Amino acid sequence: MFKPFADYLVFDLFGLTPGSHLGDALNFFIYDTLKIFFLLTVIIFVVAIIRSWFPPERTKRILSHKREYVGNIMAALLGVVTPFCSCSAVPLFIGFVESGVPLGVTFSFLISSPMVNEVALIMLWGMFGWKIALLYIGTGLLVAIVSGAVIGRLKMERYVQDYVWEMQVGNAEIAEQSWPERFAYGKEYTMGLLKKIWPYVVVGIGIGGFIHGYVPQDFLARWAGRDNPFAVPVAVALGVPLYSNAAGVIPIVQALTAKGMAMGTVLAFMMAVTALSLPEAIILKNVLKNRLLAVFFGTVAVAITMVGYLFNAIL
């Protein structure tokens, strides 16, 4: 329902020519901005109601003292429906570890939460269809589970900063909420999250619009297409220094795909941007010693690269 409105604004009201660089870029920007913010508002509110059953205290209790691998699976699944991102890594890491959550299980949660969430699901579904959306969610969970399990098996607890083990975080009582309180929480959380992420969304759509309108068709296909065997690791390496969330990076993914970049390559890029970033490394440096930090980033980067090659092979 937003496409006719975008076409009217750009081609009728503004008088731009269909097929022109500026016309296509502006049309992409207006259409995707309206569509994405509508989807985000509806879906975030619904998921926020679900999240009201999973405050941090309950999440820690669920994850504490779970058996190996079972804990990784539960942590990755909880990461999908809990309101935490990489910016919350330090307090979450301290709280989870002090509460008895195994190190590998904690990492499964921290990988899953920013990378696999309702924003990624609904936006990928709307842009690429349910098969791509579910494939991304499934492989994202697999990356979180396997990476956390690998880190857990390495027994690297000694590479956590000493002060973390000395922290004493209490277990607060969990107050039950009524439905009006849950709806109020949903509204507050939705507005708060939209205020937080809207710049990333607009910038992401703007970059996507520029790529859609101005980047030559064969440029990305030549450098990052299916014929380049190094396209996936290059995309992952480029994604790690960046910082964004799913809402900001998916419009770029859509534009890159439209220009000929292989689906596995662009989704590996998306995973690297959302699950690994330079700001996250700086935050985690306060909690993890260098060796564990390097193992965390290296393990996840390798897993994402393998997923990118898998996507390219089957899509």
C-alpha atoms as a PDB file:
ATOM      1  CA  MET A   1       0.000   0.000   0.000  1.00  0.00           C
ATOM      2  CA  PHE A   2       3.037   2.297   0.345  1.00  0.00           C
ATOM      3  CA  LYS A   3       4.388   1.765  -3.191  1.00  0.00           C
ATOM      4  CA  PRO A   4       1.696   3.797  -5.009  1.00  0.00           C
ATOM      5  CA  PHE A   5       2.189   6.633  -2.507  1.00  0.00           C
ATOM      6  CA  ALA A   6       5.969   6.604  -3.036  1.00  0.00           C
ATOM      7  CA  ASP A   7       5.481   6.529  -6.818  1.00  0.00           C
ATOM      8  CA  TYR A   8       3.076   9.486  -6.623  1.00  0.00           C
ATOM      9  CA  LEU A   9       5.452  11.580  -4.504  1.00  0.00           C
ATOM     10  CA  VAL A  10       8.556  10.916  -6.571  1.00  0.00           C
ATOM     11  CA  PHE A  11       7.299  10.669 -10.137  1.00  0.00           C
ATOM     12  CA  ASP A  12       4.105  12.780 -10.101  1.00  0.00           C
ATOM     13  CA  LEU A  13       4.551  15.397  -7.376  1.00  0.00           C
ATOM     14  CA  PHE A  14       8.354  15.822  -7.630  1.00  0.00           C
ATOM     15  CA  GLY A  15       8.360  15.229 -11.398  1.00  0.00           C
ATOM     16  CA  LEU A  16      11.352  12.855 -11.445  1.00  0.00           C
ATOM     17  CA  THR A  17      11.696  10.361 -14.286  1.00  0.00           C
ATOM     18  CA  PRO A  18      11.239   6.623 -13.601  1.00  0.00           C
ATOM     19  CA  GLY A  19      14.523   4.847 -14.250  1.00  0.00           C
ATOM     20  CA  SER A  20      16.656   7.910 -13.462  1.00  0.00           C
ATOM     21  CA  HIS A  21      19.344   7.605 -10.780  1.00  0.00           C
ATOM     22  CA  LEU A  22      17.789  10.165  -8.432  1.00  0.00           C
ATOM     23  CA  GLY A  23      14.229   8.994  -9.093  1.00  0.00           C
ATOM     24  CA  ASP A  24      14.983   5.348  -8.332  1.00  0.00           C
ATOM     25  CA  ALA A  25      17.072   6.198  -5.274  1.00  0.00           C
ATOM     26  CA  LEU A  26      14.439   8.533  -3.801  1.00  0.00           C
ATOM     27  CA  ASN A  27      11.601   6.118  -4.585  1.00  0.00           C
ATOM     28  CA  PHE A  28      13.498   3.309  -2.841  1.00  0.00           C
ATOM     29  CA  PHE A  29      14.136   5.544   0.183  1.00  0.00           C
ATOM     30  CA  ILE A  30      10.535   6.740   0.643  1.00  0.00           C
ATOM     31  CA  TYR A  31       8.930   3.343   0.024  1.00  0.00           C
ATOM     32  CA  ASP A  32      11.272   1.411   2.302  1.00  0.00           C
ATOM     33  CA  THR A  33      11.111   4.041   5.061  1.00  0.00           C
ATOM     34  CA  LEU A  34       7.302   3.877   5.223  1.00  0.00           C
ATOM     35  CA  LYS A  35       7.173   0.086   4.976  1.00  0.00           C
ATOM     36  CA  ILE A  36       9.921  -0.613   7.495  1.00  0.00           C
ATOM     37  CA  PHE A  37       8.672   1.776  10.181  1.00  0.00           C
ATOM     38  CA  PHE A  38       5.145   0.370   9.858  1.00  0.00           C
ATOM     39  CA  LEU A  39       6.427  -3.201  10.240  1.00  0.00           C
ATOM     40  CA  LEU A  40       8.724  -2.263  13.111  1.00  0.00           C
ATOM     41  CA  THR A  41       5.984  -0.521  15.090  1.00  0.00           C
ATOM     42  CA  VAL A  42       3.557  -3.439  14.846  1.00  0.00           C
ATOM     43  CA  ILE A  43       6.007  -6.275  15.380  1.00  0.00           C
ATOM     44  CA  ILE A  44       8.068  -4.655  18.153  1.00  0.00           C
ATOM     45  CA  PHE A  45       4.896  -3.985  20.140  1.00  0.00           C
ATOM     46  CA  VAL A  46       3.740  -7.603  19.823  1.00  0.00           C
ATOM     47  CA  VAL A  47       7.140  -8.997  20.758  1.00  0.00           C
ATOM     48  CA  ALA A  48       7.450  -6.532  23.643  1.00  0.00           C
ATOM     49  CA  ILE A  49       4.338  -8.083  25.176  1.00  0.00           C
ATOM     50  CA  ILE A  50       6.001 -11.494  24.891  1.00  0.00           C
ATOM     51  CA  ARG A  51       9.197 -10.097  26.376  1.00  0.00           C
ATOM     52  CA  SER A  52       7.338  -8.870  29.456  1.00  0.00           C
ATOM     53  CA  TRP A  53       7.465 -12.485  30.687  1.00  0.00           C
ATOM     54  CA  PHE A  54      11.280 -12.524  30.457  1.00  0.00           C
ATOM     55  CA  PRO A  55      12.861  -9.850  32.689  1.00  0.00           C
ATOM     56  CA  PRO A  56      16.637 -10.164  33.259  1.00  0.00           C
ATOM     57  CA  GLU A  57      16.195 -11.942  36.613  1.00  0.00           C
ATOM     58  CA  ARG A  58      14.021 -14.666  35.092  1.00  0.00           C
ATOM     59  CA  THR A  59      16.364 -15.048  32.132  1.00  0.00           C
ATOM     60  CA  LYS A  60      19.312 -15.604  34.457  1.00  0.00           C
ATOM     61  CA  ARG A  61      17.388 -18.183  36.463  1.00  0.00           C
ATOM     62  CA  ILE A  62      16.398 -20.085  33.322  1.00  0.00           C
ATOM     63  CA  LEU A  63      19.967 -20.199  32.051  1.00  0.00           C
ATOM     64  CA  SER A  64      21.683 -20.996  35.344  1.00  0.00           C
ATOM     65  CA  HIS A  65      23.070 -24.477  35.962  1.00  0.00           C
ATOM     66  CA  LYS A  66      21.955 -25.965  32.643  1.00  0.00           C
ATOM     67  CA  ARG A  67      23.766 -28.930  31.152  1.00  0.00           C
ATOM     68  CA  GLU A  68      26.246 -28.400  28.342  1.00  0.00           C
ATOM     69  CA  TYR A  69      24.655 -27.980  24.880  1.00  0.00           C
ATOM     70  CA  VAL A  70      21.140 -27.884  26.364  1.00  0.00           C
ATOM     71  CA  GLY A  71      22.065 -24.572  27.958  1.00  0.00           C
ATOM     72  CA  ASN A  72      23.488 -23.284  24.662  1.00  0.00           C
ATOM     73  CA  ILE A  73      20.250 -24.105  22.836  1.00  0.00           C
ATOM     74  CA  MET A  74      18.083 -22.490  25.513  1.00  0.00           C
ATOM     75  CA  ALA A  75      20.336 -19.426  25.650  1.00  0.00           C
ATOM     76  CA  ALA A  76      20.191 -18.941  21.880  1.00  0.00           C
ATOM     77  CA  LEU A  77      16.394 -19.287  21.863  1.00  0.00           C
ATOM     78  CA  LEU A  78      16.023 -16.855  24.757  1.00  0.00           C
ATOM     79  CA  GLY A  79      18.214 -14.406  22.879  1.00  0.00           C
ATOM     80  CA  VAL A  80      15.507 -14.154  20.223  1.00  0.00           C
ATOM     81  CA  VAL A  81      12.799 -12.924  22.608  1.00  0.00           C
ATOM     82  CA  THR A  82      14.738 -10.888  25.170  1.00  0.00           C
ATOM     83  CA  PRO A  83      15.379  -7.132  24.893  1.00  0.00           C
ATOM     84  CA  PHE A  84      19.166  -7.169  24.983  1.00  0.00           C
ATOM     85  CA  CYS A  85      21.710  -6.055  22.393  1.00  0.00           C
ATOM     86  CA  SER A  86      25.484  -5.935  22.158  1.00  0.00           C
ATOM     87  CA  CYS A  87      25.441  -2.600  23.994  1.00  0.00           C
ATOM     88  CA  SER A  88      24.228  -4.503  27.076  1.00  0.00           C
ATOM     89  CA  ALA A  89      27.117  -6.989  26.923  1.00  0.00           C
ATOM     90  CA  VAL A  90      28.995  -5.859  30.035  1.00  0.00           C
ATOM     91  CA  PRO A  91      26.166  -5.814  32.631  1.00  0.00           C
ATOM     92  CA  LEU A  92      24.608  -8.945  31.152  1.00  0.00           C
ATOM     93  CA  PHE A  93      27.906 -10.797  31.121  1.00  0.00           C
ATOM     94  CA  ILE A  94      28.626  -9.883  34.745  1.00  0.00           C
ATOM     95  CA  GLY A  95      25.107 -10.787  35.857  1.00  0.00           C
ATOM     96  CA  PHE A  96      24.961 -14.076  33.976  1.00  0.00           C
ATOM     97  CA  VAL A  97      28.412 -15.336  34.977  1.00  0.00           C
ATOM     98  CA  GLU A  98      27.980 -14.356  38.630  1.00  0.00           C
ATOM     99  CA  SER A  99      24.607 -16.101  38.677  1.00  0.00           C
ATOM    100  CA  GLY A 100      26.203 -19.382  37.656  1.00  0.00           C
ATOM    101  CA  VAL A 101      25.488 -19.314  33.928  1.00  0.00           C
ATOM    102  CA  PRO A 102      28.328 -21.227  32.181  1.00  0.00           C
ATOM    103  CA  LEU A 103      30.652 -19.124  30.038  1.00  0.00           C
ATOM    104  CA  GLY A 104      29.788 -20.831  26.754  1.00  0.00           C
ATOM    105  CA  VAL A 105      26.057 -20.547  27.448  1.00  0.00           C
ATOM    106  CA  THR A 106      26.455 -16.824  28.093  1.00  0.00           C
ATOM    107  CA  PHE A 107      28.178 -16.367  24.749  1.00  0.00           C
ATOM    108  CA  SER A 108      25.380 -18.233  22.949  1.00  0.00           C
ATOM    109  CA  PHE A 109      22.955 -15.712  24.410  1.00  0.00           C
ATOM    110  CA  LEU A 110      25.103 -12.691  23.562  1.00  0.00           C
ATOM    111  CA  ILE A 111      25.541 -13.830  19.951  1.00  0.00           C
ATOM    112  CA  SER A 112      21.883 -14.666  19.405  1.00  0.00           C
ATOM    113  CA  SER A 113      20.299 -11.614  21.005  1.00  0.00           C
ATOM    114  CA  PRO A 114      21.533  -8.882  18.600  1.00  0.00           C
ATOM    115  CA  MET A 115      21.715 -11.086  15.495  1.00  0.00           C
ATOM    116  CA  VAL A 116      18.497 -13.143  15.669  1.00  0.00           C
ATOM    117  CA  ASN A 117      15.442 -11.131  16.678  1.00  0.00           C
ATOM    118  CA  GLU A 118      11.993 -10.056  15.595  1.00  0.00           C
ATOM    119  CA  VAL A 119      13.334  -7.097  13.616  1.00  0.00           C
ATOM    120  CA  ALA A 120      15.520  -9.337  11.454  1.00  0.00           C
ATOM    121  CA  LEU A 121      12.722 -11.880  10.997  1.00  0.00           C
ATOM    122  CA  ILE A 122       9.962  -9.508   9.940  1.00  0.00           C
ATOM    123  CA  MET A 123      12.134  -7.310   7.714  1.00  0.00           C
ATOM    124  CA  LEU A 124      13.751 -10.237   5.915  1.00  0.00           C
ATOM    125  CA  TRP A 125      10.324 -11.836   5.525  1.00  0.00           C
ATOM    126  CA  GLY A 126       8.894  -8.659   4.009  1.00  0.00           C
ATOM    127  CA  MET A 127      11.813  -8.118   1.624  1.00  0.00           C
ATOM    128  CA  PHE A 128      12.918 -11.620   0.623  1.00  0.00           C
ATOM    129  CA  GLY A 129      10.101 -13.980   1.623  1.00  0.00           C
ATOM    130  CA  TRP A 130       9.633 -16.507   4.395  1.00  0.00           C
ATOM    131  CA  LYS A 131      12.215 -19.008   3.141  1.00  0.00           C
ATOM    132  CA  ILE A 132      15.121 -16.556   3.372  1.00  0.00           C
ATOM    133  CA  ALA A 133      13.853 -15.207   6.707  1.00  0.00           C
ATOM    134  CA  LEU A 134      13.589 -18.647   8.307  1.00  0.00           C
ATOM    135  CA  LEU A 135      16.889 -19.763   6.806  1.00  0.00           C
ATOM    136  CA  TYR A 136      18.610 -16.720   8.310  1.00  0.00           C
ATOM    137  CA  ILE A 137      16.992 -17.238  11.717  1.00  0.00           C
ATOM    138  CA  GLY A 138      17.848 -20.954  11.705  1.00  0.00           C
ATOM    139  CA  THR A 139      21.476 -20.489  10.712  1.00  0.00           C
ATOM    140  CA  GLY A 140      21.836 -17.532  13.079  1.00  0.00           C
ATOM    141  CA  LEU A 141      20.701 -19.725  15.957  1.00  0.00           C
ATOM    142  CA  LEU A 142      23.103 -22.430  14.779  1.00  0.00           C
ATOM    143  CA  VAL A 143      25.996 -19.943  14.808  1.00  0.00           C
ATOM    144  CA  ALA A 144      25.093 -18.883  18.358  1.00  0.00           C
ATOM    145  CA  ILE A 145      24.729 -22.450  19.635  1.00  0.00           C
ATOM    146  CA  VAL A 146      27.881 -23.841  18.005  1.00  0.00           C
ATOM    147  CA  SER A 147      30.063 -20.824  18.803  1.00  0.00           C
ATOM    148  CA  GLY A 148      28.970 -20.836  22.448  1.00  0.00           C
ATOM    149  CA  ALA A 149      29.515 -24.591  22.700  1.00  0.00           C
ATOM    150  CA  VAL A 150      33.027 -24.297  21.222  1.00  0.00           C
ATOM    151  CA  ILE A 151      33.966 -21.518  23.635  1.00  0.00           C
ATOM    152  CA  GLY A 152      32.509 -23.526  26.524  1.00  0.00           C
ATOM    153  CA  ARG A 153      34.565 -26.599  25.590  1.00  0.00           C
ATOM    154  CA  LEU A 154      37.775 -24.539  25.575  1.00  0.00           C
ATOM    155  CA  LYS A 155      37.371 -23.884  29.347  1.00  0.00           C
ATOM    156  CA  MET A 156      38.541 -20.277  29.168  1.00  0.00           C
ATOM    157  CA  GLU A 157      37.067 -18.991  32.412  1.00  0.00           C
ATOM    158  CA  ARG A 158      40.547 -17.865  33.524  1.00  0.00           C
ATOM    159  CA  TYR A 159      40.500 -15.273  30.734  1.00  0.00           C
ATOM    160  CA  VAL A 160      37.557 -13.407  32.258  1.00  0.00           C
ATOM    161  CA  GLN A 161      38.669 -10.331  34.167  1.00  0.00           C
ATOM    162  CA  ASP A 162      39.117 -11.166  37.866  1.00  0.00           C
ATOM    163  CA  TYR A 163      36.729  -8.500  39.130  1.00  0.00           C
ATOM    164  CA  VAL A 164      33.815 -10.188  37.338  1.00  0.00           C
ATOM    165  CA  TRP A 165      34.037 -13.230  39.622  1.00  0.00           C
ATOM    166  CA  GLU A 166      34.045 -10.946  42.661  1.00  0.00           C
ATOM    167  CA  MET A 167      30.810  -9.176  41.757  1.00  0.00           C
ATOM    168  CA  GLN A 168      27.784  -9.951  43.892  1.00  0.00           C
ATOM    169  CA  VAL A 169      24.572  -9.475  41.956  1.00  0.00           C
ATOM    170  CA  GLY A 170      21.414 -10.159  43.889  1.00  0.00           C
ATOM    171  CA  ASN A 171      18.402 -12.059  42.611  1.00  0.00           C
ATOM    172  CA  ALA A 172      15.486  -9.669  42.767  1.00  0.00           C
ATOM    173  CA  GLU A 173      11.971 -10.960  43.117  1.00  0.00           C
ATOM    174  CA  ILE A 174      10.035 -11.022  39.867  1.00  0.00           C
ATOM    175  CA  ALA A 175       6.756  -9.130  40.128  1.00  0.00           C
ATOM    176  CA  GLU A 176       3.901 -10.456  38.007  1.00  0.00           C
ATOM    177  CA  GLN A 177       2.279  -7.924  35.685  1.00  0.00           C
ATOM    178  CA  SER A 178      -1.341  -7.431  34.746  1.00  0.00           C
ATOM    179  CA  TRP A 179      -2.380  -7.176  31.092  1.00  0.00           C
ATOM    180  CA  PRO A 180      -2.759  -3.351  31.264  1.00  0.00           C
ATOM    181  CA  GLU A 181       0.761  -3.189  32.682  1.00  0.00           C
ATOM    182  CA  ARG A 182       2.051  -5.426  29.893  1.00  0.00           C
ATOM    183  CA  PHE A 183       0.386  -3.246  27.241  1.00  0.00           C
ATOM    184  CA  ALA A 184       1.834  -0.144  28.885  1.00  0.00           C
ATOM    185  CA  TYR A 185       5.255  -1.791  28.862  1.00  0.00           C
ATOM    186  CA  GLY A 186       4.794  -2.740  25.197  1.00  0.00           C
ATOM    187  CA  LYS A 187       3.945   0.825  24.240  1.00  0.00           C
ATOM    188  CA  GLU A 188       6.816   2.270  26.256  1.00  0.00           C
ATOM    189  CA  TYR A 189       9.318  -0.268  24.932  1.00  0.00           C
ATOM    190  CA  THR A 190       8.199   0.205  21.319  1.00  0.00           C
ATOM    191  CA  MET A 191       8.518   3.987  21.484  1.00  0.00           C
ATOM    192  CA  GLY A 192      11.842   3.770  23.307  1.00  0.00           C
ATOM    193  CA  LEU A 193      13.313   1.300  20.810  1.00  0.00           C
ATOM    194  CA  LEU A 194      12.089   3.269  17.798  1.00  0.00           C
ATOM    195  CA  LYS A 195      13.658   6.442  19.216  1.00  0.00           C
ATOM    196  CA  LYS A 196      16.897   4.518  19.678  1.00  0.00           C
ATOM    197  CA  ILE A 197      17.115   2.843  16.276  1.00  0.00           C
ATOM    198  CA  TRP A 198      15.443   5.312  13.889  1.00  0.00           C
ATOM    199  CA  PRO A 199      18.739   7.019  12.914  1.00  0.00           C
ATOM    200  CA  TYR A 200      20.235   3.622  11.993  1.00  0.00           C
ATOM    201  CA  VAL A 201      17.135   2.781   9.969  1.00  0.00           C
ATOM    202  CA  VAL A 202      17.152   6.071   8.057  1.00  0.00           C
ATOM    203  CA  VAL A 203      20.903   5.932   7.398  1.00  0.00           C
ATOM    204  CA  GLY A 204      20.645   2.288   6.337  1.00  0.00           C
ATOM    205  CA  ILE A 205      17.781   3.009   3.945  1.00  0.00           C
ATOM    206  CA  GLY A 206      19.645   6.051   2.630  1.00  0.00           C
ATOM    207  CA  ILE A 207      22.726   3.955   1.849  1.00  0.00           C
ATOM    208  CA  GLY A 208      20.507   1.302   0.321  1.00  0.00           C
ATOM    209  CA  GLY A 209      18.778   3.927  -1.819  1.00  0.00           C
ATOM    210  CA  PHE A 210      22.112   5.286  -3.031  1.00  0.00           C
ATOM    211  CA  ILE A 211      23.302   1.790  -3.948  1.00  0.00           C
ATOM    212  CA  HIS A 212      19.967   1.067  -5.647  1.00  0.00           C
ATOM    213  CA  GLY A 213      20.029   4.234  -7.737  1.00  0.00           C
ATOM    214  CA  TYR A 214      23.676   4.968  -8.447  1.00  0.00           C
ATOM    215  CA  VAL A 215      25.923   1.883  -8.122  1.00  0.00           C
ATOM    216  CA  PRO A 216      26.409   0.193 -11.527  1.00  0.00           C
ATOM    217  CA  GLN A 217      24.785  -3.209 -11.908  1.00  0.00           C
ATOM    218  CA  ASP A 218      28.004  -5.047 -12.664  1.00  0.00           C
ATOM    219  CA  PHE A 219      30.216  -3.403 -10.017  1.00  0.00           C
ATOM    220  CA  LEU A 220      29.174  -5.476  -7.015  1.00  0.00           C
ATOM    221  CA  ALA A 221      28.567  -8.570  -9.108  1.00  0.00           C
ATOM    222  CA  ARG A 222      32.164  -8.352 -10.330  1.00  0.00           C
ATOM    223  CA  TRP A 223      33.768  -7.833  -6.897  1.00  0.00           C
ATOM    224  CA  ALA A 224      31.406  -9.769  -4.640  1.00  0.00           C
ATOM    225  CA  GLY A 225      29.411 -12.007  -6.936  1.00  0.00           C
ATOM    226  CA  ARG A 226      29.208 -15.771  -7.023  1.00  0.00           C
ATOM    227  CA  ASP A 227      32.345 -16.060  -9.166  1.00  0.00           C
ATOM    228  CA  ASN A 228      34.586 -14.543  -6.482  1.00  0.00           C
ATOM    229  CA  PRO A 229      35.565 -17.328  -4.031  1.00  0.00           C
ATOM    230  CA  PHE A 230      36.777 -14.781  -1.465  1.00  0.00           C
ATOM    231  CA  ALA A 231      33.606 -12.655  -1.467  1.00  0.00           C
ATOM    232  CA  VAL A 232      32.234 -14.091   1.801  1.00  0.00           C
ATOM    233  CA  PRO A 233      35.313 -13.589   4.021  1.00  0.00           C
ATOM    234  CA  VAL A 234      35.793 -10.116   2.538  1.00  0.00           C
ATOM    235  CA  ALA A 235      32.175  -9.244   3.387  1.00  0.00           C
ATOM    236  CA  VAL A 236      32.612 -10.538   6.953  1.00  0.00           C
ATOM    237  CA  ALA A 237      35.864  -8.601   7.380  1.00  0.00           C
ATOM    238  CA  LEU A 238      34.151  -5.428   6.159  1.00  0.00           C
ATOM    239  CA  GLY A 239      31.171  -5.985   8.457  1.00  0.00           C
ATOM    240  CA  VAL A 240      33.112  -6.425  11.711  1.00  0.00           C
ATOM    241  CA  PRO A 241      34.380  -2.804  12.034  1.00  0.00           C
ATOM    242  CA  LEU A 242      30.884  -1.430  11.415  1.00  0.00           C
ATOM    243  CA  TYR A 243      28.143  -0.958  13.990  1.00  0.00           C
ATOM    244  CA  SER A 244      24.447  -1.236  13.295  1.00  0.00           C
ATOM    245  CA  ASN A 245      21.450  -3.385  14.091  1.00  0.00           C
ATOM    246  CA  ALA A 246      19.181  -5.459  11.886  1.00  0.00           C
ATOM    247  CA  ALA A 247      16.888  -2.524  11.174  1.00  0.00           C
ATOM    248  CA  GLY A 248      19.744  -0.447   9.838  1.00  0.00           C
ATOM    249  CA  VAL A 249      21.593  -3.067   7.829  1.00  0.00           C
ATOM    250  CA  ILE A 250      18.740  -4.964   6.116  1.00  0.00           C
ATOM    251  CA  PRO A 251      17.919  -2.123   3.657  1.00  0.00           C
ATOM    252  CA  ILE A 252      21.594  -2.226   2.630  1.00  0.00           C
ATOM    253  CA  VAL A 253      21.324  -5.998   2.241  1.00  0.00           C
ATOM    254  CA  GLN A 254      18.301  -5.559  -0.023  1.00  0.00           C
ATOM    255  CA  ALA A 255      20.114  -3.051  -2.227  1.00  0.00           C
ATOM    256  CA  LEU A 256      23.271  -5.173  -2.435  1.00  0.00           C
ATOM    257  CA  THR A 257      21.213  -8.210  -3.417  1.00  0.00           C
ATOM    258  CA  ALA A 258      19.393  -6.231  -6.116  1.00  0.00           C
ATOM    259  CA  LYS A 259      22.773  -5.230  -7.574  1.00  0.00           C
ATOM    260  CA  GLY A 260      23.922  -8.806  -8.015  1.00  0.00           C
ATOM    261  CA  MET A 261      25.733  -9.706  -4.809  1.00  0.00           C
ATOM    262  CA  ALA A 262      25.113 -13.323  -3.830  1.00  0.00           C
ATOM    263  CA  MET A 263      22.563 -13.833  -1.041  1.00  0.00           C
ATOM    264  CA  GLY A 264      24.954 -15.774   1.182  1.00  0.00           C
ATOM    265  CA  THR A 265      27.544 -13.026   0.924  1.00  0.00           C
ATOM    266  CA  VAL A 266      25.186 -10.217   1.911  1.00  0.00           C
ATOM    267  CA  LEU A 267      23.631 -12.197   4.770  1.00  0.00           C
ATOM    268  CA  ALA A 268      27.120 -13.043   6.082  1.00  0.00           C
ATOM    269  CA  PHE A 269      27.825  -9.313   5.952  1.00  0.00           C
ATOM    270  CA  MET A 270      24.614  -8.667   7.900  1.00  0.00           C
ATOM    271  CA  MET A 271      25.496 -11.262  10.543  1.00  0.00           C
ATOM    272  CA  ALA A 272      28.970  -9.772  10.978  1.00  0.00           C
ATOM    273  CA  VAL A 273      27.604  -6.245  11.390  1.00  0.00           C
ATOM    274  CA  THR A 274      24.956  -7.227  13.959  1.00  0.00           C
ATOM    275  CA  ALA A 275      26.811  -9.919  15.951  1.00  0.00           C
ATOM    276  CA  LEU A 276      30.356  -8.513  15.835  1.00  0.00           C
ATOM    277  CA  SER A 277      31.372  -4.877  15.913  1.00  0.00           C
ATOM    278  CA  LEU A 278      34.232  -2.650  17.025  1.00  0.00           C
ATOM    279  CA  PRO A 279      32.114  -0.905  19.726  1.00  0.00           C
ATOM    280  CA  GLU A 280      31.155  -4.322  21.107  1.00  0.00           C
ATOM    281  CA  ALA A 281      34.838  -5.299  21.249  1.00  0.00           C
ATOM    282  CA  ILE A 282      35.646  -2.127  23.179  1.00  0.00           C
ATOM    283  CA  ILE A 283      32.843  -2.840  25.663  1.00  0.00           C
ATOM    284  CA  LEU A 284      33.796  -6.493  26.124  1.00  0.00           C
ATOM    285  CA  LYS A 285      37.451  -5.539  26.613  1.00  0.00           C
ATOM    286  CA  ASN A 286      36.411  -4.382  30.081  1.00  0.00           C
ATOM    287  CA  VAL A 287      35.218  -7.897  30.899  1.00  0.00           C
ATOM    288  CA  LEU A 288      37.313 -10.304  28.834  1.00  0.00           C
ATOM    289  CA  LYS A 289      41.057 -10.702  28.573  1.00  0.00           C
ATOM    290  CA  ASN A 290      42.588 -10.420  25.120  1.00  0.00           C
ATOM    291  CA  ARG A 291      42.835 -14.142  24.400  1.00  0.00           C
ATOM    292  CA  LEU A 292      39.177 -14.856  25.157  1.00  0.00           C
ATOM    293  CA  LEU A 293      38.081 -11.764  23.239  1.00  0.00           C
ATOM    294  CA  ALA A 294      40.082 -12.939  20.210  1.00  0.00           C
ATOM    295  CA  VAL A 295      38.657 -16.473  20.488  1.00  0.00           C
ATOM    296  CA  PHE A 296      35.107 -15.083  20.688  1.00  0.00           C
ATOM    297  CA  PHE A 297      35.464 -12.881  17.609  1.00  0.00           C
ATOM    298  CA  GLY A 298      37.438 -15.472  15.660  1.00  0.00           C
ATOM    299  CA  THR A 299      35.010 -18.327  16.382  1.00  0.00           C
ATOM    300  CA  VAL A 300      31.937 -16.316  15.438  1.00  0.00           C
ATOM    301  CA  ALA A 301      33.596 -14.854  12.315  1.00  0.00           C
ATOM    302  CA  VAL A 302      34.569 -18.341  11.079  1.00  0.00           C
ATOM    303  CA  ALA A 303      31.051 -19.667  11.765  1.00  0.00           C
ATOM    304  CA  ILE A 304      29.456 -16.746   9.905  1.00  0.00           C
ATOM    305  CA  THR A 305      31.811 -17.259   6.955  1.00  0.00           C
ATOM    306  CA  MET A 306      30.830 -20.935   6.743  1.00  0.00           C
ATOM    307  CA  VAL A 307      27.150 -19.954   6.820  1.00  0.00           C
ATOM    308  CA  GLY A 308      27.747 -17.479   3.986  1.00  0.00           C
ATOM    309  CA  TYR A 309      29.287 -20.195   1.812  1.00  0.00           C
ATOM    310  CA  LEU A 310      26.388 -22.509   2.720  1.00  0.00           C
ATOM    311  CA  PHE A 311      23.821 -19.904   1.670  1.00  0.00           C
ATOM    312  CA  ASN A 312      25.615 -19.352  -1.643  1.00  0.00           C
ATOM    313  CA  ALA A 313      25.715 -23.083  -2.303  1.00  0.00           C
ATOM    314  CA  ILE A 314      22.007 -23.755  -1.737  1.00  0.00           C
ATOM    315  CA  LEU A 315      20.340 -20.528  -2.916  1.00  0.00           C
END
